[in-house]
Amino acid sequence: MFTKIMIPTDGSVLGDIAAAEGIRTAAKLGAEVFFIHVAREYEKSGLGKSISKADYEAAVKVAGEKILHPLELFASEMGVKHKSILGIANHIALAIVREAREYGCDMIFIGSNGCAGWDHVLMGSVSNKVLASAEIPVLVYRLREDELPDDSPNYHESAVFVFPPA
């Protein structure tokens, strides 16, 4: 059925929970996974001191590797073949779809926090944008309330890299 699955992550607690479920799904299907983390493109700050584009890209690489490493370890533990991709783009959803196409993926497994109301209007939704622009099936994993950690006041913050999430 599905043999190559793209699993995007932003490094948040919610993103890690969804990615872990994506890895488990890939293991059940015998599929290979392609993890992707896409950071926003460099924008020079007009508010005083800013870092250089080269320093920004180096920082993105370090942060991206920290985000993707726990996923790689868990995939290895689950016996899932995997590859990690780091990207920098203005349009994160389009970058995810483009990379899925480039790597020949036949499904994108992406998490959604189910944000609604003004949060959705103001921030948009990467998962919705992926759904709207992908030419392959997209499985949107909506987190259940019992999957949300009790000890994290902001689920959108970076995870502590404890994998897999409980």
N, C-alpha and C. Protein backbone atom coordinates (compact mmCIF):
# COMPACT_ATOMS: atom_id res chain seq x y z
N MET A 1 0.84 -1.18 0.00
CA MET A 1 0.00 0.00 0.00
C MET A 1 0.88 1.24 0.00
N PHE A 2 1.34 1.69 1.17
CA PHE A 2 2.22 2.85 1.25
C PHE A 2 3.62 2.34 1.58
N THR A 3 4.60 2.81 0.82
CA THR A 3 5.97 2.33 1.01
C THR A 3 6.94 3.42 1.41
N LYS A 4 6.60 4.68 1.14
CA LYS A 4 7.46 5.82 1.48
C LYS A 4 6.59 6.91 2.09
N ILE A 5 6.81 7.19 3.37
CA ILE A 5 5.97 8.13 4.10
C ILE A 5 6.80 9.33 4.57
N MET A 6 6.35 10.53 4.22
CA MET A 6 6.97 11.77 4.69
C MET A 6 6.35 12.12 6.03
N ILE A 7 7.19 12.39 7.04
CA ILE A 7 6.71 12.78 8.37
C ILE A 7 7.33 14.12 8.74
N PRO A 8 6.58 15.22 8.56
CA PRO A 8 7.08 16.53 8.96
C PRO A 8 7.00 16.71 10.48
N THR A 9 7.92 17.49 11.03
CA THR A 9 7.85 17.82 12.45
C THR A 9 8.40 19.22 12.68
N ASP A 10 7.84 19.89 13.68
CA ASP A 10 8.33 21.21 14.05
C ASP A 10 9.14 21.16 15.34
N GLY A 11 9.26 19.98 15.93
CA GLY A 11 10.04 19.84 17.15
C GLY A 11 9.27 20.12 18.42
N SER A 12 7.99 20.40 18.30
CA SER A 12 7.17 20.65 19.49
C SER A 12 6.76 19.33 20.13
N VAL A 13 6.25 19.41 21.35
CA VAL A 13 5.76 18.22 22.03
C VAL A 13 4.68 17.55 21.18
N LEU A 14 3.74 18.33 20.67
CA LEU A 14 2.66 17.78 19.84
C LEU A 14 3.23 17.18 18.56
N GLY A 15 4.20 17.84 17.96
CA GLY A 15 4.82 17.32 16.75
C GLY A 15 5.50 15.99 17.00
N ASP A 16 6.15 15.84 18.14
CA ASP A 16 6.82 14.58 18.48
C ASP A 16 5.82 13.45 18.72
N ILE A 17 4.71 13.77 19.34
CA ILE A 17 3.68 12.74 19.58
C ILE A 17 3.15 12.24 18.24
N ALA A 18 2.85 13.16 17.33
CA ALA A 18 2.35 12.77 16.01
C ALA A 18 3.41 12.00 15.23
N ALA A 19 4.67 12.45 15.29
CA ALA A 19 5.74 11.76 14.57
C ALA A 19 5.92 10.33 15.09
N ALA A 20 5.83 10.15 16.40
CA ALA A 20 5.95 8.80 16.97
C ALA A 20 4.85 7.89 16.42
N GLU A 21 3.64 8.44 16.31
CA GLU A 21 2.54 7.64 15.74
C GLU A 21 2.80 7.35 14.26
N GLY A 22 3.38 8.30 13.56
CA GLY A 22 3.74 8.08 12.16
C GLY A 22 4.77 6.96 12.01
N ILE A 23 5.74 6.93 12.91
CA ILE A 23 6.75 5.87 12.90
C ILE A 23 6.10 4.52 13.18
N ARG A 24 5.21 4.49 14.16
CA ARG A 24 4.51 3.23 14.47
C ARG A 24 3.67 2.75 13.26
N THR A 25 3.03 3.68 12.59
CA THR A 25 2.24 3.35 11.40
C THR A 25 3.15 2.80 10.31
N ALA A 26 4.28 3.45 10.09
CA ALA A 26 5.23 2.98 9.07
C ALA A 26 5.74 1.58 9.41
N ALA A 27 5.99 1.32 10.68
CA ALA A 27 6.46 -0.01 11.09
C ALA A 27 5.41 -1.07 10.76
N LYS A 28 4.14 -0.76 11.03
CA LYS A 28 3.07 -1.72 10.73
C LYS A 28 2.94 -1.98 9.23
N LEU A 29 3.21 -0.93 8.42
CA LEU A 29 3.07 -1.06 6.97
C LEU A 29 4.34 -1.57 6.30
N GLY A 30 5.45 -1.60 7.05
CA GLY A 30 6.72 -1.95 6.45
C GLY A 30 7.24 -0.86 5.52
N ALA A 31 6.90 0.39 5.83
CA ALA A 31 7.26 1.51 4.96
C ALA A 31 8.53 2.20 5.45
N GLU A 32 9.20 2.86 4.52
CA GLU A 32 10.34 3.72 4.82
C GLU A 32 9.79 5.10 5.15
N VAL A 33 10.48 5.82 6.06
CA VAL A 33 10.02 7.17 6.39
C VAL A 33 11.08 8.21 6.05
N PHE A 34 10.57 9.39 5.74
CA PHE A 34 11.40 10.55 5.46
C PHE A 34 10.97 11.64 6.42
N PHE A 35 11.81 11.91 7.43
CA PHE A 35 11.51 12.98 8.38
C PHE A 35 11.91 14.29 7.74
N ILE A 36 11.11 15.32 7.98
CA ILE A 36 11.48 16.64 7.47
C ILE A 36 11.18 17.70 8.52
N HIS A 37 12.15 18.59 8.67
CA HIS A 37 11.96 19.78 9.51
C HIS A 37 12.30 20.97 8.63
N VAL A 38 11.37 21.91 8.52
CA VAL A 38 11.58 23.09 7.69
C VAL A 38 11.50 24.33 8.58
N ALA A 39 12.54 25.14 8.53
CA ALA A 39 12.57 26.40 9.26
C ALA A 39 12.27 27.54 8.29
N ARG A 40 11.80 28.63 8.83
CA ARG A 40 11.53 29.81 8.01
C ARG A 40 12.84 30.39 7.48
N GLU A 41 12.76 31.01 6.31
CA GLU A 41 13.93 31.64 5.72
C GLU A 41 14.42 32.80 6.58
N TYR A 42 15.69 33.08 6.44
CA TYR A 42 16.35 34.16 7.17
C TYR A 42 15.73 35.50 6.80
N GLU A 43 15.45 36.28 7.82
CA GLU A 43 14.98 37.65 7.60
C GLU A 43 15.81 38.55 8.50
N LYS A 44 16.47 39.52 7.89
CA LYS A 44 17.29 40.45 8.66
C LYS A 44 16.38 41.31 9.52
N SER A 45 16.69 41.37 10.79
CA SER A 45 15.90 42.15 11.73
C SER A 45 16.16 43.64 11.56
N GLY A 46 15.13 44.41 11.62
CA GLY A 46 15.27 45.85 11.57
C GLY A 46 15.34 46.45 12.96
N LEU A 47 15.44 45.60 13.97
CA LEU A 47 15.39 46.06 15.36
C LEU A 47 16.76 46.03 16.03
N GLY A 48 17.78 46.44 15.30
CA GLY A 48 19.10 46.47 15.91
C GLY A 48 19.95 45.29 15.48
N LYS A 49 20.63 44.70 16.44
CA LYS A 49 21.59 43.65 16.16
C LYS A 49 20.90 42.38 15.65
N SER A 50 21.44 41.81 14.58
CA SER A 50 20.92 40.55 14.09
C SER A 50 22.09 39.67 13.69
N ILE A 51 21.83 38.40 13.55
CA ILE A 51 22.89 37.49 13.15
C ILE A 51 22.99 37.44 11.63
N SER A 52 24.11 36.98 11.15
CA SER A 52 24.30 36.88 9.71
C SER A 52 23.48 35.71 9.16
N LYS A 53 23.27 35.72 7.87
CA LYS A 53 22.54 34.63 7.22
C LYS A 53 23.27 33.31 7.42
N ALA A 54 24.59 33.31 7.31
CA ALA A 54 25.38 32.09 7.50
C ALA A 54 25.23 31.56 8.93
N ASP A 55 25.27 32.46 9.92
CA ASP A 55 25.09 32.04 11.31
C ASP A 55 23.68 31.50 11.54
N TYR A 56 22.69 32.13 10.92
CA TYR A 56 21.31 31.66 11.03
C TYR A 56 21.19 30.25 10.46
N GLU A 57 21.73 30.04 9.28
CA GLU A 57 21.65 28.71 8.64
C GLU A 57 22.37 27.66 9.46
N ALA A 58 23.51 28.02 10.08
CA ALA A 58 24.23 27.08 10.94
C ALA A 58 23.39 26.74 12.17
N ALA A 59 22.73 27.74 12.75
CA ALA A 59 21.88 27.51 13.92
C ALA A 59 20.68 26.64 13.56
N VAL A 60 20.10 26.86 12.39
CA VAL A 60 18.98 26.04 11.93
C VAL A 60 19.42 24.58 11.78
N LYS A 61 20.61 24.37 11.24
CA LYS A 61 21.13 23.02 11.06
C LYS A 61 21.29 22.31 12.40
N VAL A 62 21.89 23.00 13.37
CA VAL A 62 22.09 22.41 14.70
C VAL A 62 20.74 22.11 15.36
N ALA A 63 19.83 23.08 15.33
CA ALA A 63 18.51 22.88 15.94
C ALA A 63 17.75 21.76 15.22
N GLY A 64 17.80 21.76 13.90
CA GLY A 64 17.11 20.72 13.13
C GLY A 64 17.62 19.33 13.44
N GLU A 65 18.93 19.20 13.57
CA GLU A 65 19.49 17.88 13.91
C GLU A 65 19.04 17.43 15.29
N LYS A 66 18.95 18.37 16.24
CA LYS A 66 18.46 18.03 17.58
C LYS A 66 17.00 17.60 17.54
N ILE A 67 16.22 18.23 16.68
CA ILE A 67 14.81 17.89 16.54
C ILE A 67 14.65 16.51 15.90
N LEU A 68 15.43 16.23 14.88
CA LEU A 68 15.26 14.99 14.10
C LEU A 68 15.93 13.77 14.74
N HIS A 69 16.98 13.99 15.53
CA HIS A 69 17.73 12.85 16.09
C HIS A 69 16.87 11.88 16.91
N PRO A 70 16.01 12.36 17.82
CA PRO A 70 15.17 11.42 18.57
C PRO A 70 14.24 10.61 17.66
N LEU A 71 13.76 11.22 16.58
CA LEU A 71 12.91 10.49 15.64
C LEU A 71 13.70 9.38 14.97
N GLU A 72 14.93 9.69 14.59
CA GLU A 72 15.79 8.69 13.96
C GLU A 72 16.06 7.52 14.89
N LEU A 73 16.32 7.83 16.16
CA LEU A 73 16.57 6.76 17.14
C LEU A 73 15.35 5.87 17.31
N PHE A 74 14.17 6.48 17.42
CA PHE A 74 12.95 5.71 17.60
C PHE A 74 12.65 4.87 16.36
N ALA A 75 12.85 5.43 15.18
CA ALA A 75 12.64 4.67 13.94
C ALA A 75 13.58 3.47 13.90
N SER A 76 14.83 3.67 14.30
CA SER A 76 15.79 2.55 14.33
C SER A 76 15.33 1.47 15.30
N GLU A 77 14.87 1.89 16.48
CA GLU A 77 14.36 0.93 17.47
C GLU A 77 13.17 0.14 16.93
N MET A 78 12.35 0.80 16.11
CA MET A 78 11.16 0.15 15.55
C MET A 78 11.48 -0.62 14.27
N GLY A 79 12.74 -0.59 13.84
CA GLY A 79 13.13 -1.30 12.63
C GLY A 79 12.66 -0.63 11.35
N VAL A 80 12.47 0.69 11.39
CA VAL A 80 11.97 1.43 10.24
C VAL A 80 13.13 2.13 9.53
N LYS A 81 13.29 1.86 8.24
CA LYS A 81 14.29 2.55 7.44
C LYS A 81 13.89 4.01 7.35
N HIS A 82 14.89 4.91 7.48
CA HIS A 82 14.55 6.33 7.53
C HIS A 82 15.66 7.21 6.96
N LYS A 83 15.25 8.42 6.59
CA LYS A 83 16.16 9.47 6.12
C LYS A 83 15.62 10.78 6.67
N SER A 84 16.52 11.69 7.04
CA SER A 84 16.11 12.99 7.57
C SER A 84 16.47 14.10 6.60
N ILE A 85 15.58 15.07 6.52
CA ILE A 85 15.73 16.20 5.61
C ILE A 85 15.55 17.48 6.41
N LEU A 86 16.50 18.40 6.24
CA LEU A 86 16.39 19.73 6.84
C LEU A 86 16.16 20.73 5.72
N GLY A 87 15.24 21.65 5.92
CA GLY A 87 14.97 22.65 4.90
C GLY A 87 14.79 24.03 5.49
N ILE A 88 14.97 25.01 4.63
CA ILE A 88 14.69 26.40 4.98
C ILE A 88 13.84 26.95 3.85
N ALA A 89 12.67 27.49 4.19
CA ALA A 89 11.76 27.98 3.15
C ALA A 89 10.81 29.00 3.74
N ASN A 90 10.30 29.87 2.90
CA ASN A 90 9.27 30.82 3.33
C ASN A 90 7.92 30.14 3.48
N HIS A 91 7.65 29.16 2.64
CA HIS A 91 6.37 28.45 2.66
C HIS A 91 6.62 27.01 3.07
N ILE A 92 6.46 26.75 4.37
CA ILE A 92 6.80 25.46 4.94
C ILE A 92 5.99 24.33 4.31
N ALA A 93 4.69 24.52 4.18
CA ALA A 93 3.83 23.46 3.61
C ALA A 93 4.26 23.11 2.20
N LEU A 94 4.54 24.12 1.38
CA LEU A 94 4.96 23.85 0.00
C LEU A 94 6.30 23.13 -0.04
N ALA A 95 7.19 23.46 0.90
CA ALA A 95 8.49 22.77 0.97
C ALA A 95 8.28 21.30 1.33
N ILE A 96 7.37 21.02 2.23
CA ILE A 96 7.07 19.63 2.61
C ILE A 96 6.55 18.85 1.41
N VAL A 97 5.60 19.44 0.71
CA VAL A 97 5.01 18.78 -0.46
C VAL A 97 6.05 18.57 -1.55
N ARG A 98 6.88 19.57 -1.79
CA ARG A 98 7.94 19.47 -2.81
C ARG A 98 8.92 18.34 -2.48
N GLU A 99 9.35 18.27 -1.22
CA GLU A 99 10.30 17.23 -0.82
C GLU A 99 9.66 15.84 -0.88
N ALA A 100 8.38 15.75 -0.52
CA ALA A 100 7.68 14.46 -0.64
C ALA A 100 7.68 13.99 -2.08
N ARG A 101 7.44 14.91 -2.99
CA ARG A 101 7.45 14.59 -4.42
C ARG A 101 8.86 14.17 -4.85
N GLU A 102 9.86 14.93 -4.44
CA GLU A 102 11.24 14.66 -4.84
C GLU A 102 11.72 13.29 -4.37
N TYR A 103 11.30 12.88 -3.18
CA TYR A 103 11.73 11.60 -2.64
C TYR A 103 10.79 10.44 -2.99
N GLY A 104 9.79 10.72 -3.81
CA GLY A 104 8.89 9.67 -4.26
C GLY A 104 7.97 9.13 -3.18
N CYS A 105 7.64 9.96 -2.21
CA CYS A 105 6.75 9.51 -1.12
C CYS A 105 5.34 9.30 -1.67
N ASP A 106 4.66 8.32 -1.09
CA ASP A 106 3.29 8.05 -1.52
C ASP A 106 2.27 8.40 -0.44
N MET A 107 2.75 9.00 0.67
CA MET A 107 1.85 9.51 1.71
C MET A 107 2.62 10.51 2.57
N ILE A 108 1.89 11.49 3.08
CA ILE A 108 2.42 12.43 4.08
C ILE A 108 1.63 12.19 5.36
N PHE A 109 2.32 11.95 6.46
CA PHE A 109 1.71 11.74 7.77
C PHE A 109 2.06 12.97 8.61
N ILE A 110 1.06 13.81 8.87
CA ILE A 110 1.32 15.08 9.56
C ILE A 110 0.39 15.25 10.74
N GLY A 111 0.90 15.81 11.81
CA GLY A 111 0.10 16.05 12.99
C GLY A 111 -0.67 17.36 12.91
N SER A 112 -1.74 17.43 13.67
CA SER A 112 -2.52 18.65 13.78
C SER A 112 -2.91 18.82 15.24
N ASN A 113 -2.77 20.05 15.72
CA ASN A 113 -3.17 20.30 17.10
C ASN A 113 -4.63 20.69 17.21
N GLY A 114 -5.30 20.77 16.07
CA GLY A 114 -6.72 21.09 16.10
C GLY A 114 -7.01 22.51 16.50
N CYS A 115 -6.06 23.40 16.30
CA CYS A 115 -6.26 24.80 16.66
C CYS A 115 -7.41 25.37 15.83
N ALA A 116 -8.20 26.19 16.45
CA ALA A 116 -9.38 26.74 15.78
C ALA A 116 -9.54 28.20 16.16
N GLY A 117 -10.56 28.79 15.67
CA GLY A 117 -10.87 30.17 16.03
C GLY A 117 -9.81 31.14 15.57
N TRP A 118 -9.53 32.13 16.41
CA TRP A 118 -8.57 33.17 16.05
C TRP A 118 -7.16 32.63 15.86
N ASP A 119 -6.78 31.61 16.64
CA ASP A 119 -5.45 31.02 16.46
C ASP A 119 -5.28 30.53 15.03
N HIS A 120 -6.30 29.86 14.52
CA HIS A 120 -6.23 29.33 13.16
C HIS A 120 -6.23 30.46 12.13
N VAL A 121 -7.06 31.46 12.35
CA VAL A 121 -7.15 32.58 11.41
C VAL A 121 -5.83 33.33 11.36
N LEU A 122 -5.22 33.58 12.53
CA LEU A 122 -3.99 34.37 12.58
C LEU A 122 -2.77 33.57 12.15
N MET A 123 -2.68 32.31 12.54
CA MET A 123 -1.48 31.53 12.30
C MET A 123 -1.59 30.64 11.06
N GLY A 124 -2.79 30.31 10.66
CA GLY A 124 -2.93 29.36 9.57
C GLY A 124 -2.61 27.97 10.09
N SER A 125 -2.55 27.03 9.21
CA SER A 125 -2.27 25.66 9.61
C SER A 125 -1.41 25.02 8.54
N VAL A 126 -0.22 24.59 8.95
CA VAL A 126 0.65 23.90 8.00
C VAL A 126 -0.04 22.64 7.50
N SER A 127 -0.69 21.91 8.40
CA SER A 127 -1.34 20.66 7.96
C SER A 127 -2.44 20.94 6.94
N ASN A 128 -3.23 22.00 7.13
CA ASN A 128 -4.26 22.34 6.15
C ASN A 128 -3.66 22.74 4.81
N LYS A 129 -2.56 23.48 4.86
CA LYS A 129 -1.90 23.89 3.63
C LYS A 129 -1.29 22.70 2.90
N VAL A 130 -0.75 21.74 3.65
CA VAL A 130 -0.23 20.51 3.04
C VAL A 130 -1.38 19.75 2.39
N LEU A 131 -2.49 19.62 3.11
CA LEU A 131 -3.67 18.95 2.56
C LEU A 131 -4.12 19.58 1.25
N ALA A 132 -4.12 20.90 1.21
CA ALA A 132 -4.62 21.62 0.04
C ALA A 132 -3.67 21.53 -1.15
N SER A 133 -2.39 21.34 -0.91
CA SER A 133 -1.44 21.40 -2.02
C SER A 133 -0.80 20.06 -2.40
N ALA A 134 -0.97 19.04 -1.59
CA ALA A 134 -0.35 17.74 -1.89
C ALA A 134 -1.10 17.00 -2.99
N GLU A 135 -0.35 16.29 -3.79
CA GLU A 135 -0.92 15.47 -4.86
C GLU A 135 -0.99 14.00 -4.47
N ILE A 136 -0.54 13.70 -3.25
CA ILE A 136 -0.57 12.33 -2.72
C ILE A 136 -1.44 12.32 -1.47
N PRO A 137 -1.84 11.15 -0.99
CA PRO A 137 -2.65 11.10 0.23
C PRO A 137 -1.93 11.74 1.42
N VAL A 138 -2.70 12.43 2.25
CA VAL A 138 -2.19 13.05 3.46
C VAL A 138 -3.01 12.51 4.62
N LEU A 139 -2.33 11.92 5.59
CA LEU A 139 -3.00 11.47 6.80
C LEU A 139 -2.73 12.53 7.86
N VAL A 140 -3.79 13.19 8.32
CA VAL A 140 -3.65 14.21 9.37
C VAL A 140 -3.98 13.54 10.70
N TYR A 141 -2.98 13.45 11.54
CA TYR A 141 -3.14 12.82 12.84
C TYR A 141 -3.55 13.87 13.86
N ARG A 142 -4.78 13.79 14.29
CA ARG A 142 -5.31 14.72 15.29
C ARG A 142 -5.08 14.12 16.66
N LEU A 143 -4.36 14.83 17.49
CA LEU A 143 -4.03 14.31 18.81
C LEU A 143 -5.25 14.21 19.69
N ARG A 144 -5.32 13.09 20.41
CA ARG A 144 -6.40 12.90 21.37
C ARG A 144 -6.02 13.62 22.67
N GLU A 145 -7.02 14.03 23.41
CA GLU A 145 -6.77 14.75 24.65
C GLU A 145 -5.95 13.92 25.63
N ASP A 146 -6.15 12.59 25.65
CA ASP A 146 -5.39 11.75 26.58
C ASP A 146 -3.92 11.61 26.17
N GLU A 147 -3.56 12.07 24.97
CA GLU A 147 -2.16 12.03 24.54
C GLU A 147 -1.39 13.28 24.95
N LEU A 148 -2.10 14.31 25.37
CA LEU A 148 -1.45 15.56 25.72
C LEU A 148 -0.78 15.44 27.09
N PRO A 149 0.49 15.83 27.17
CA PRO A 149 1.18 15.74 28.46
C PRO A 149 0.60 16.73 29.47
N ASP A 150 0.45 16.28 30.71
CA ASP A 150 -0.10 17.13 31.77
C ASP A 150 0.89 18.19 32.23
N ASP A 151 2.18 17.93 32.08
CA ASP A 151 3.20 18.79 32.67
C ASP A 151 3.72 19.88 31.75
N SER A 152 3.12 20.05 30.58
CA SER A 152 3.61 21.06 29.66
C SER A 152 2.57 22.15 29.47
N PRO A 153 2.84 23.37 29.94
CA PRO A 153 1.86 24.44 29.82
C PRO A 153 1.67 24.91 28.38
N ASN A 154 2.71 24.75 27.55
CA ASN A 154 2.61 25.18 26.16
C ASN A 154 3.06 24.05 25.26
N TYR A 155 2.10 23.36 24.65
CA TYR A 155 2.41 22.19 23.84
C TYR A 155 3.16 22.54 22.56
N HIS A 156 3.22 23.82 22.22
CA HIS A 156 3.90 24.24 21.00
C HIS A 156 5.38 24.48 21.24
N GLU A 157 5.81 24.42 22.50
CA GLU A 157 7.22 24.62 22.81
C GLU A 157 8.01 23.39 22.35
N SER A 158 9.30 23.58 22.21
CA SER A 158 10.15 22.46 21.82
C SER A 158 10.09 21.37 22.86
N ALA A 159 10.14 20.15 22.38
CA ALA A 159 10.12 19.00 23.26
C ALA A 159 11.46 18.87 23.96
N VAL A 160 11.50 18.05 24.99
CA VAL A 160 12.72 17.82 25.75
C VAL A 160 13.52 16.67 25.16
N PHE A 161 13.09 16.17 24.02
CA PHE A 161 13.75 15.09 23.31
C PHE A 161 13.71 13.78 24.07
N VAL A 162 12.64 13.52 24.79
CA VAL A 162 12.41 12.22 25.40
C VAL A 162 11.53 11.46 24.42
N PHE A 163 12.05 10.36 23.91
CA PHE A 163 11.33 9.67 22.84
C PHE A 163 11.22 8.21 23.12
N PRO A 164 10.14 7.54 22.77
CA PRO A 164 8.93 8.14 22.22
C PRO A 164 8.14 8.81 23.32
N PRO A 165 7.32 9.80 22.96
CA PRO A 165 6.48 10.44 23.98
C PRO A 165 5.54 9.41 24.60
N ALA A 166 5.29 9.57 25.86
CA ALA A 166 4.42 8.62 26.59
C ALA A 166 3.00 8.66 26.08
